[in-house]
C-alpha atoms as a PDB file:
ATOM      1  CA  MET A   1       3.052  -5.470  26.736  1.00  0.00           C
ATOM      2  CA  LEU A   2       4.668  -3.813  23.728  1.00  0.00           C
ATOM      3  CA  ALA A   3       8.265  -2.894  24.537  1.00  0.00           C
ATOM      4  CA  ALA A   4      10.478  -0.496  22.595  1.00  0.00           C
ATOM      5  CA  THR A   5      14.062  -1.689  22.193  1.00  0.00           C
ATOM      6  CA  PRO A   6      17.216   0.343  21.399  1.00  0.00           C
ATOM      7  CA  LEU A   7      17.771   1.419  17.801  1.00  0.00           C
ATOM      8  CA  GLY A   8      21.447   0.610  18.183  1.00  0.00           C
ATOM      9  CA  ASN A   9      22.881   2.054  21.372  1.00  0.00           C
ATOM     10  CA  LEU A  10      22.261  -0.321  24.283  1.00  0.00           C
ATOM     11  CA  ASP A  11      22.531   2.565  26.743  1.00  0.00           C
ATOM     12  CA  ASP A  12      19.101   3.674  25.502  1.00  0.00           C
ATOM     13  CA  ALA A  13      17.494   0.600  27.100  1.00  0.00           C
ATOM     14  CA  SER A  14      15.353   1.529  30.082  1.00  0.00           C
ATOM     15  CA  ALA A  15      15.363  -0.093  33.501  1.00  0.00           C
ATOM     16  CA  ARG A  16      11.785  -1.214  32.795  1.00  0.00           C
ATOM     17  CA  LEU A  17      12.871  -3.035  29.642  1.00  0.00           C
ATOM     18  CA  ARG A  18      15.527  -4.925  31.585  1.00  0.00           C
ATOM     19  CA  SER A  19      13.031  -5.828  34.295  1.00  0.00           C
ATOM     20  CA  GLU A  20      10.323  -6.996  31.907  1.00  0.00           C
ATOM     21  CA  LEU A  21      12.721  -9.047  29.779  1.00  0.00           C
ATOM     22  CA  GLU A  22      13.792 -10.836  32.924  1.00  0.00           C
ATOM     23  CA  SER A  23      10.353 -11.422  34.430  1.00  0.00           C
ATOM     24  CA  ALA A  24       7.919 -11.949  31.504  1.00  0.00           C
ATOM     25  CA  ASP A  25       6.360 -15.395  31.169  1.00  0.00           C
ATOM     26  CA  ILE A  26       6.668 -15.186  27.369  1.00  0.00           C
ATOM     27  CA  VAL A  27       8.894 -12.960  25.256  1.00  0.00           C
ATOM     28  CA  ALA A  28       7.627 -12.800  21.662  1.00  0.00           C
ATOM     29  CA  ALA A  29      10.471 -11.532  19.460  1.00  0.00           C
ATOM     30  CA  GLU A  30      10.714 -10.612  15.792  1.00  0.00           C
ATOM     31  CA  ASP A  31      14.124 -12.315  15.720  1.00  0.00           C
ATOM     32  CA  THR A  32      14.925 -14.613  18.642  1.00  0.00           C
ATOM     33  CA  ARG A  33      18.656 -14.503  17.924  1.00  0.00           C
ATOM     34  CA  ARG A  34      18.694 -10.716  18.117  1.00  0.00           C
ATOM     35  CA  LEU A  35      16.623 -10.881  21.280  1.00  0.00           C
ATOM     36  CA  ARG A  36      19.178 -13.185  22.915  1.00  0.00           C
ATOM     37  CA  ARG A  37      22.016 -10.857  21.851  1.00  0.00           C
ATOM     38  CA  LEU A  38      20.115  -7.892  23.283  1.00  0.00           C
ATOM     39  CA  ALA A  39      19.523  -9.695  26.564  1.00  0.00           C
ATOM     40  CA  ALA A  40      23.188 -10.677  26.781  1.00  0.00           C
ATOM     41  CA  GLY A  41      24.263  -7.106  26.070  1.00  0.00           C
ATOM     42  CA  LEU A  42      21.962  -5.867  28.821  1.00  0.00           C
ATOM     43  CA  GLU A  43      23.207  -8.632  31.146  1.00  0.00           C
ATOM     44  CA  VAL A  44      19.677  -9.941  31.533  1.00  0.00           C
ATOM     45  CA  VAL A  45      18.592 -13.593  31.540  1.00  0.00           C
ATOM     46  CA  PRO A  46      14.944 -14.038  30.424  1.00  0.00           C
ATOM     47  CA  ARG A  47      13.281 -16.610  32.636  1.00  0.00           C
ATOM     48  CA  GLY A  48      10.242 -17.042  30.412  1.00  0.00           C
ATOM     49  CA  GLU A  49       9.704 -18.813  27.112  1.00  0.00           C
ATOM     50  CA  ILE A  50      11.110 -17.084  24.041  1.00  0.00           C
ATOM     51  CA  LEU A  51       8.947 -17.370  20.923  1.00  0.00           C
ATOM     52  CA  SER A  52       9.399 -16.026  17.421  1.00  0.00           C
ATOM     53  CA  TYR A  53       6.789 -13.523  16.235  1.00  0.00           C
ATOM     54  CA  TYR A  54       7.415 -12.096  12.786  1.00  0.00           C
ATOM     55  CA  ASP A  55       5.586 -11.282   9.552  1.00  0.00           C
ATOM     56  CA  ASN A  56       5.273 -14.852   8.281  1.00  0.00           C
ATOM     57  CA  ASN A  57       4.038 -16.468  11.490  1.00  0.00           C
ATOM     58  CA  GLU A  58       2.185 -13.762  13.426  1.00  0.00           C
ATOM     59  CA  ARG A  59      -1.227 -14.819  12.098  1.00  0.00           C
ATOM     60  CA  GLY A  60      -0.749 -18.346  13.432  1.00  0.00           C
ATOM     61  CA  ARG A  61       1.083 -17.317  16.610  1.00  0.00           C
ATOM     62  CA  THR A  62      -1.428 -14.668  17.742  1.00  0.00           C
ATOM     63  CA  PRO A  63      -4.080 -17.129  19.078  1.00  0.00           C
ATOM     64  CA  GLN A  64      -1.363 -18.847  21.166  1.00  0.00           C
ATOM     65  CA  LEU A  65      -0.335 -15.536  22.725  1.00  0.00           C
ATOM     66  CA  LEU A  66      -3.979 -14.630  23.375  1.00  0.00           C
ATOM     67  CA  ASP A  67      -4.462 -17.916  25.195  1.00  0.00           C
ATOM     68  CA  ALA A  68      -1.443 -17.080  27.348  1.00  0.00           C
ATOM     69  CA  LEU A  69      -2.926 -13.691  28.220  1.00  0.00           C
ATOM     70  CA  ARG A  70      -6.252 -15.262  29.120  1.00  0.00           C
ATOM     71  CA  ALA A  71      -4.381 -17.681  31.381  1.00  0.00           C
ATOM     72  CA  GLY A  72      -2.882 -14.771  33.297  1.00  0.00           C
ATOM     73  CA  GLN A  73       0.600 -14.908  31.822  1.00  0.00           C
ATOM     74  CA  THR A  74       2.649 -11.828  31.002  1.00  0.00           C
ATOM     75  CA  VAL A  75       3.495 -11.557  27.304  1.00  0.00           C
ATOM     76  CA  LEU A  76       6.238  -9.153  26.258  1.00  0.00           C
ATOM     77  CA  LEU A  77       6.410  -8.291  22.540  1.00  0.00           C
ATOM     78  CA  VAL A  78       9.633  -6.865  21.104  1.00  0.00           C
ATOM     79  CA  THR A  79      10.955  -6.256  17.606  1.00  0.00           C
ATOM     80  CA  ASP A  80      14.494  -5.823  16.308  1.00  0.00           C
ATOM     81  CA  ALA A  81      14.599  -2.096  17.100  1.00  0.00           C
ATOM     82  CA  GLY A  82      12.161   0.601  18.149  1.00  0.00           C
ATOM     83  CA  MET A  83       8.468   0.249  18.948  1.00  0.00           C
ATOM     84  CA  PRO A  84       6.559  -2.882  17.860  1.00  0.00           C
ATOM     85  CA  SER A  85       3.712  -2.438  15.346  1.00  0.00           C
ATOM     86  CA  VAL A  86       5.352   0.646  13.737  1.00  0.00           C
ATOM     87  CA  SER A  87       6.160  -1.005  10.377  1.00  0.00           C
ATOM     88  CA  ASP A  88       7.010  -4.074  12.463  1.00  0.00           C
ATOM     89  CA  PRO A  89       5.023  -7.026  13.820  1.00  0.00           C
ATOM     90  CA  GLY A  90       2.629  -6.169  16.634  1.00  0.00           C
ATOM     91  CA  TYR A  91      -0.485  -4.583  15.171  1.00  0.00           C
ATOM     92  CA  ARG A  92      -2.229  -7.923  14.660  1.00  0.00           C
ATOM     93  CA  LEU A  93      -1.678  -8.985  18.266  1.00  0.00           C
ATOM     94  CA  VAL A  94      -2.768  -5.646  19.740  1.00  0.00           C
ATOM     95  CA  SER A  95      -5.903  -5.620  17.579  1.00  0.00           C
ATOM     96  CA  ALA A  96      -6.812  -9.193  18.557  1.00  0.00           C
ATOM     97  CA  ALA A  97      -6.080  -8.550  22.231  1.00  0.00           C
ATOM     98  CA  ALA A  98      -8.209  -5.393  22.224  1.00  0.00           C
ATOM     99  CA  GLU A  99     -11.097  -7.318  20.678  1.00  0.00           C
ATOM    100  CA  ALA A 100     -10.734 -10.097  23.250  1.00  0.00           C
ATOM    101  CA  GLN A 101     -10.534  -7.549  26.049  1.00  0.00           C
ATOM    102  CA  SER A 102     -13.763  -5.908  24.857  1.00  0.00           C
ATOM    103  CA  ALA A 103     -15.406  -9.325  24.941  1.00  0.00           C
ATOM    104  CA  GLY A 104     -14.565  -9.697  28.615  1.00  0.00           C
ATOM    105  CA  GLY A 105     -10.904 -10.647  28.672  1.00  0.00           C
ATOM    106  CA  GLU A 106      -9.404  -9.745  32.048  1.00  0.00           C
ATOM    107  CA  PHE A 107      -5.910  -8.713  31.057  1.00  0.00           C
ATOM    108  CA  ALA A 108      -4.123  -5.427  30.489  1.00  0.00           C
ATOM    109  CA  ILE A 109      -2.731  -4.099  27.214  1.00  0.00           C
ATOM    110  CA  THR A 110       0.043  -1.603  27.700  1.00  0.00           C
ATOM    111  CA  ALA A 111       3.292  -0.327  26.234  1.00  0.00           C
ATOM    112  CA  LEU A 112       6.771   0.226  27.536  1.00  0.00           C
ATOM    113  CA  PRO A 113       7.818   3.433  25.724  1.00  0.00           C
ATOM    114  CA  GLY A 114      11.298   4.052  24.452  1.00  0.00           C
ATOM    115  CA  PRO A 115      13.349   4.552  21.298  1.00  0.00           C
ATOM    116  CA  SER A 116      11.563   5.276  18.022  1.00  0.00           C
ATOM    117  CA  ALA A 117      13.274   5.898  14.695  1.00  0.00           C
ATOM    118  CA  VAL A 118      10.258   7.929  13.539  1.00  0.00           C
ATOM    119  CA  THR A 119      10.342  10.622  16.214  1.00  0.00           C
ATOM    120  CA  THR A 120      14.135  10.586  16.530  1.00  0.00           C
ATOM    121  CA  ALA A 121      14.608  11.278  12.815  1.00  0.00           C
ATOM    122  CA  LEU A 122      11.832  13.869  12.825  1.00  0.00           C
ATOM    123  CA  ALA A 123      13.468  15.769  15.682  1.00  0.00           C
ATOM    124  CA  LEU A 124      16.891  15.690  13.996  1.00  0.00           C
ATOM    125  CA  SER A 125      15.648  16.605  10.521  1.00  0.00           C
ATOM    126  CA  GLY A 126      15.343  20.326  11.124  1.00  0.00           C
ATOM    127  CA  LEU A 127      11.950  20.234   9.397  1.00  0.00           C
ATOM    128  CA  ALA A 128       8.587  21.218  10.860  1.00  0.00           C
ATOM    129  CA  CYS A 129       7.538  18.857  13.654  1.00  0.00           C
ATOM    130  CA  ASP A 130       4.208  20.384  14.678  1.00  0.00           C
ATOM    131  CA  ARG A 131       2.293  18.230  12.169  1.00  0.00           C
ATOM    132  CA  PHE A 132       3.648  15.069  10.553  1.00  0.00           C
ATOM    133  CA  CYS A 133       2.564  11.745   9.105  1.00  0.00           C
ATOM    134  CA  PHE A 134       4.333   8.393   9.040  1.00  0.00           C
ATOM    135  CA  GLU A 135       4.210   6.619   5.670  1.00  0.00           C
ATOM    136  CA  GLY A 136       6.338   3.553   6.438  1.00  0.00           C
ATOM    137  CA  PHE A 137       7.994   1.796   3.488  1.00  0.00           C
ATOM    138  CA  LEU A 138       7.181   2.816  -0.073  1.00  0.00           C
ATOM    139  CA  PRO A 139       6.077   0.097  -2.520  1.00  0.00           C
ATOM    140  CA  ARG A 140       8.980  -1.746  -4.142  1.00  0.00           C
ATOM    141  CA  LYS A 141       7.573  -1.691  -7.675  1.00  0.00           C
ATOM    142  CA  ALA A 142       8.295   1.553  -9.532  1.00  0.00           C
ATOM    143  CA  ALA A 143       4.746   2.099 -10.820  1.00  0.00           C
ATOM    144  CA  GLU A 144       3.182   1.534  -7.410  1.00  0.00           C
ATOM    145  CA  ARG A 145       5.791   3.764  -5.791  1.00  0.00           C
ATOM    146  CA  ARG A 146       5.030   6.573  -8.250  1.00  0.00           C
ATOM    147  CA  GLY A 147       1.338   6.182  -7.542  1.00  0.00           C
ATOM    148  CA  ARG A 148       1.836   6.428  -3.788  1.00  0.00           C
ATOM    149  CA  LEU A 149       4.051   9.501  -4.118  1.00  0.00           C
ATOM    150  CA  ALA A 150       1.589  11.152  -6.501  1.00  0.00           C
ATOM    151  CA  GLU A 151      -1.054  10.771  -3.797  1.00  0.00           C
ATOM    152  CA  LEU A 152       1.297  12.476  -1.318  1.00  0.00           C
ATOM    153  CA  ALA A 153       2.362  15.336  -3.590  1.00  0.00           C
ATOM    154  CA  GLY A 154      -0.134  17.690  -1.965  1.00  0.00           C
ATOM    155  CA  GLU A 155       0.514  16.563   1.630  1.00  0.00           C
ATOM    156  CA  ALA A 156       1.186  19.645   3.786  1.00  0.00           C
ATOM    157  CA  ARG A 157       2.520  17.756   6.800  1.00  0.00           C
ATOM    158  CA  THR A 158       6.126  16.651   7.177  1.00  0.00           C
ATOM    159  CA  MET A 159       6.389  13.028   6.012  1.00  0.00           C
ATOM    160  CA  VAL A 160       8.509  10.264   7.563  1.00  0.00           C
ATOM    161  CA  PHE A 161       9.451   7.134   5.613  1.00  0.00           C
ATOM    162  CA  PHE A 162      11.485   3.989   6.221  1.00  0.00           C
ATOM    163  CA  GLU A 163      13.587   2.751   3.318  1.00  0.00           C
ATOM    164  CA  ALA A 164      16.067  -0.040   2.649  1.00  0.00           C
ATOM    165  CA  PRO A 165      19.553   1.277   1.784  1.00  0.00           C
ATOM    166  CA  HIS A 166      19.657  -0.503  -1.583  1.00  0.00           C
ATOM    167  CA  ARG A 167      16.371   1.168  -2.600  1.00  0.00           C
ATOM    168  CA  LEU A 168      17.139   4.641  -1.233  1.00  0.00           C
ATOM    169  CA  ALA A 169      18.491   6.107  -4.478  1.00  0.00           C
ATOM    170  CA  GLU A 170      15.407   5.001  -6.427  1.00  0.00           C
ATOM    171  CA  ALA A 171      13.083   6.292  -3.727  1.00  0.00           C
ATOM    172  CA  LEU A 172      14.766   9.704  -3.578  1.00  0.00           C
ATOM    173  CA  ALA A 173      14.781  10.015  -7.368  1.00  0.00           C
ATOM    174  CA  ALA A 174      11.064   9.186  -7.465  1.00  0.00           C
ATOM    175  CA  MET A 175      10.363  11.736  -4.723  1.00  0.00           C
ATOM    176  CA  ALA A 176      12.330  14.408  -6.561  1.00  0.00           C
ATOM    177  CA  ALA A 177      10.282  13.668  -9.689  1.00  0.00           C
ATOM    178  CA  GLU A 178       6.924  13.846  -7.896  1.00  0.00           C
ATOM    179  CA  PHE A 179       7.599  16.473  -5.189  1.00  0.00           C
ATOM    180  CA  GLY A 180      10.171  18.629  -6.973  1.00  0.00           C
ATOM    181  CA  GLU A 181      13.955  18.582  -6.714  1.00  0.00           C
ATOM    182  CA  GLN A 182      13.986  21.554  -4.339  1.00  0.00           C
ATOM    183  CA  ARG A 183      11.732  19.978  -1.693  1.00  0.00           C
ATOM    184  CA  PRO A 184      13.687  20.003   1.620  1.00  0.00           C
ATOM    185  CA  ALA A 185      14.417  16.596   3.144  1.00  0.00           C
ATOM    186  CA  ALA A 186      16.735  14.765   5.499  1.00  0.00           C
ATOM    187  CA  VAL A 187      18.263  11.299   5.280  1.00  0.00           C
ATOM    188  CA  CYS A 188      18.893   9.907   8.769  1.00  0.00           C
ATOM    189  CA  ARG A 189      21.257   6.947   8.728  1.00  0.00           C
ATOM    190  CA  GLU A 190      22.311   4.594  11.539  1.00  0.00           C
ATOM    191  CA  LEU A 191      20.480   6.552  14.252  1.00  0.00           C
ATOM    192  CA  THR A 192      22.084   6.288  17.731  1.00  0.00           C
ATOM    193  CA  LYS A 193      24.878   4.107  16.339  1.00  0.00           C
ATOM    194  CA  THR A 194      28.591   4.807  16.016  1.00  0.00           C
ATOM    195  CA  TYR A 195      28.344   6.081  12.443  1.00  0.00           C
ATOM    196  CA  GLU A 196      25.130   8.076  12.805  1.00  0.00           C
ATOM    197  CA  GLU A 197      24.702  10.535   9.947  1.00  0.00           C
ATOM    198  CA  VAL A 198      22.016  13.097   9.102  1.00  0.00           C
ATOM    199  CA  LEU A 199      22.108  14.775   5.679  1.00  0.00           C
ATOM    200  CA  ARG A 200      19.803  17.745   5.195  1.00  0.00           C
ATOM    201  CA  ALA A 201      19.392  18.936   1.600  1.00  0.00           C
ATOM    202  CA  PRO A 202      16.867  19.272  -1.244  1.00  0.00           C
ATOM    203  CA  LEU A 203      15.622  15.982  -2.704  1.00  0.00           C
ATOM    204  CA  GLY A 204      17.573  16.478  -5.920  1.00  0.00           C
ATOM    205  CA  GLU A 205      20.886  16.729  -4.067  1.00  0.00           C
ATOM    206  CA  LEU A 206      20.084  13.793  -1.809  1.00  0.00           C
ATOM    207  CA  SER A 207      19.158  11.689  -4.839  1.00  0.00           C
ATOM    208  CA  ALA A 208      22.550  12.393  -6.452  1.00  0.00           C
ATOM    209  CA  TRP A 209      24.324  11.569  -3.196  1.00  0.00           C
ATOM    210  CA  ALA A 210      22.472   8.267  -2.716  1.00  0.00           C
ATOM    211  CA  ALA A 211      23.246   7.155  -6.282  1.00  0.00           C
ATOM    212  CA  GLU A 212      26.793   6.349  -5.131  1.00  0.00           C
ATOM    213  CA  GLY A 213      25.481   3.728  -2.692  1.00  0.00           C
ATOM    214  CA  VAL A 214      24.375   3.888   0.934  1.00  0.00           C
ATOM    215  CA  ARG A 215      24.600   1.457   3.835  1.00  0.00           C
ATOM    216  CA  GLY A 216      22.840   1.170   7.151  1.00  0.00           C
ATOM    217  CA  GLU A 217      19.345   1.655   8.547  1.00  0.00           C
ATOM    218  CA  ILE A 218      17.575   4.579   6.875  1.00  0.00           C
ATOM    219  CA  THR A 219      14.801   6.906   8.017  1.00  0.00           C
ATOM    220  CA  LEU A 220      13.807   9.596   5.533  1.00  0.00           C
ATOM    221  CA  VAL A 221      12.065  12.858   6.463  1.00  0.00           C
ATOM    222  CA  VAL A 222      10.529  15.048   3.737  1.00  0.00           C
ATOM    223  CA  ALA A 223       8.981  18.498   4.079  1.00  0.00           C
ATOM    224  CA  GLY A 224       5.322  18.887   3.267  1.00  0.00           C
ATOM    225  CA  LEU A 225       4.032  21.023   0.417  1.00  0.00           C
ATOM    226  CA  THR A 226       4.472  24.760   1.032  1.00  0.00           C
ATOM    227  CA  ARG A 227       4.320  27.793  -1.215  1.00  0.00           C
ATOM    228  CA  THR A 228       8.030  28.580  -0.748  1.00  0.00           C
ATOM    229  CA  SER A 229       9.462  25.097  -1.184  1.00  0.00           C
ATOM    230  CA  ASP A 230       7.644  23.894  -4.288  1.00  0.00           C
ATOM    231  CA  LEU A 231       6.384  26.773  -6.378  1.00  0.00           C
ATOM    232  CA  THR A 232       9.555  28.764  -6.924  1.00  0.00           C
ATOM    233  CA  SER A 233       9.527  27.996 -10.672  1.00  0.00           C
ATOM    234  CA  ALA A 234       6.242  29.803 -11.279  1.00  0.00           C
ATOM    235  CA  ASP A 235       5.403  33.380 -10.344  1.00  0.00           C
ATOM    236  CA  ALA A 236       2.239  34.369  -8.509  1.00  0.00           C
ATOM    237  CA  ALA A 237       0.376  35.412 -11.654  1.00  0.00           C
ATOM    238  CA  THR A 238       1.036  32.078 -13.357  1.00  0.00           C
ATOM    239  CA  VAL A 239      -0.041  30.143 -10.281  1.00  0.00           C
ATOM    240  CA  ALA A 240      -3.249  32.151 -10.069  1.00  0.00           C
ATOM    241  CA  HIS A 241      -3.919  31.474 -13.759  1.00  0.00           C
ATOM    242  CA  TRP A 242      -3.424  27.725 -13.334  1.00  0.00           C
ATOM    243  CA  LEU A 243      -5.731  27.658 -10.335  1.00  0.00           C
ATOM    244  CA  ASP A 244      -8.415  29.612 -12.170  1.00  0.00           C
ATOM    245  CA  GLN A 245      -8.226  27.348 -15.220  1.00  0.00           C
ATOM    246  CA  VAL A 246      -8.381  24.153 -13.164  1.00  0.00           C
ATOM    247  CA  GLN A 247     -11.416  25.416 -11.271  1.00  0.00           C
ATOM    248  CA  ARG A 248     -13.135  26.309 -14.561  1.00  0.00           C
ATOM    249  CA  VAL A 249     -12.541  22.790 -15.905  1.00  0.00           C
ATOM    250  CA  GLU A 250     -13.670  21.208 -12.628  1.00  0.00           C
ATOM    251  CA  ALA A 251     -16.911  23.188 -12.875  1.00  0.00           C
ATOM    252  CA  GLN A 252     -17.714  21.082 -15.941  1.00  0.00           C
ATOM    253  CA  ASP A 253     -17.986  17.960 -13.735  1.00  0.00           C
ATOM    254  CA  VAL A 254     -14.377  16.905 -14.366  1.00  0.00           C
ATOM    255  CA  SER A 255     -12.250  15.383 -11.612  1.00  0.00           C
ATOM    256  CA  ARG A 256      -9.351  17.415 -10.221  1.00  0.00           C
ATOM    257  CA  LYS A 257      -6.825  14.930 -11.570  1.00  0.00           C
ATOM    258  CA  GLN A 258      -8.266  15.210 -15.067  1.00  0.00           C
ATOM    259  CA  ALA A 259      -8.558  18.995 -14.798  1.00  0.00           C
ATOM    260  CA  VAL A 260      -4.904  19.309 -13.825  1.00  0.00           C
ATOM    261  CA  ALA A 261      -3.880  17.136 -16.782  1.00  0.00           C
ATOM    262  CA  ILE A 262      -5.970  19.222 -19.173  1.00  0.00           C
ATOM    263  CA  VAL A 263      -4.568  22.548 -17.924  1.00  0.00           C
ATOM    264  CA  ALA A 264      -1.010  21.209 -18.010  1.00  0.00           C
ATOM    265  CA  ALA A 265      -1.489  20.114 -21.619  1.00  0.00           C
ATOM    266  CA  LEU A 266      -3.025  23.447 -22.647  1.00  0.00           C
ATOM    267  CA  THR A 267      -0.371  25.616 -20.959  1.00  0.00           C
ATOM    268  CA  GLY A 268       2.667  23.422 -21.590  1.00  0.00           C
ATOM    269  CA  ALA A 269       3.395  23.294 -17.844  1.00  0.00           C
ATOM    270  CA  ARG A 270       4.474  20.238 -15.937  1.00  0.00           C
ATOM    271  CA  ARG A 271       1.531  18.389 -14.460  1.00  0.00           C
ATOM    272  CA  ARG A 272       3.178  18.221 -11.046  1.00  0.00           C
ATOM    273  CA  ASP A 273       3.699  22.004 -10.960  1.00  0.00           C
ATOM    274  CA  VAL A 274       0.053  22.638 -11.820  1.00  0.00           C
ATOM    275  CA  TYR A 275      -1.105  20.140  -9.194  1.00  0.00           C
ATOM    276  CA  ASN A 276       1.120  21.669  -6.486  1.00  0.00           C
ATOM    277  CA  ALA A 277      -0.064  25.147  -7.421  1.00  0.00           C
ATOM    278  CA  VAL A 278      -3.695  24.076  -7.173  1.00  0.00           C
ATOM    279  CA  MET A 279      -3.193  22.403  -3.787  1.00  0.00           C
ATOM    280  CA  VAL A 280      -1.403  25.403  -2.296  1.00  0.00           C
ATOM    281  CA  GLY A 281      -3.723  27.912  -3.955  1.00  0.00           C
ATOM    282  CA  SER A 282      -6.823  26.138  -2.687  1.00  0.00           C
ATOM    283  CA  ASP A 283      -5.470  26.167   0.866  1.00  0.00           C
ATOM    284  CA  ASN A 284      -4.804  29.892   0.706  1.00  0.00           C
ATOM    285  CA  ARG A 285      -8.156  31.014  -0.717  1.00  0.00           C
END
């Protein structure tokens, strides 16, 4: 069973979480010390075995947990906060258990729902929630991060990211460079905790704010590409011209990426502006 744990406020723990922590044969925890503190805070005494299950040992620990499931034991998987497998350990075990179940394993795979930083931040962001995608943590290396963001520049859905506080300023600056400084976003810090803070502003402003230093757990929500949020620097006639030129170049068996670069060079426009214009223009034709 995957079990969601509180993001910070222990009052968010469900009665089911308390019951399962107390009764499970095995509790597999990302951090056993945090698990023991959580149990103490909830006034629960786990009766089962407590095992560590984190990034560096989950490959080796998964067969042991599968054997326990096959033997009829109840295995409860928890991470430090939120739902396991969402940028946390858990995916490997669920995948292996599902494969074993398909092969005839007689055990159940289920989840105990609860707190999630992804949906909590999304709801608080004030941005569109009807369609969204979760992108997890961005790459740490600058070049790889730029590459990932370039791939997302045309994403129309609201995007949710996790980020370490000491990398937030760099991440926001990179987003402002790739998505445009006026792209709406929200930085959600210390969700459900005493010093919870949600800042809603364009990426450029958030980047300047983060440059002074930020602490705490961070979830970042960024608006998807829309005509109003990203193309304010170019009028409709210019956008239509860019789109027409890119399509003409593409017709000569040139990739869209190359076509955008060629049109940007010929017109003196920023490559990102041409790309955004093409993505929005294509969607509206």
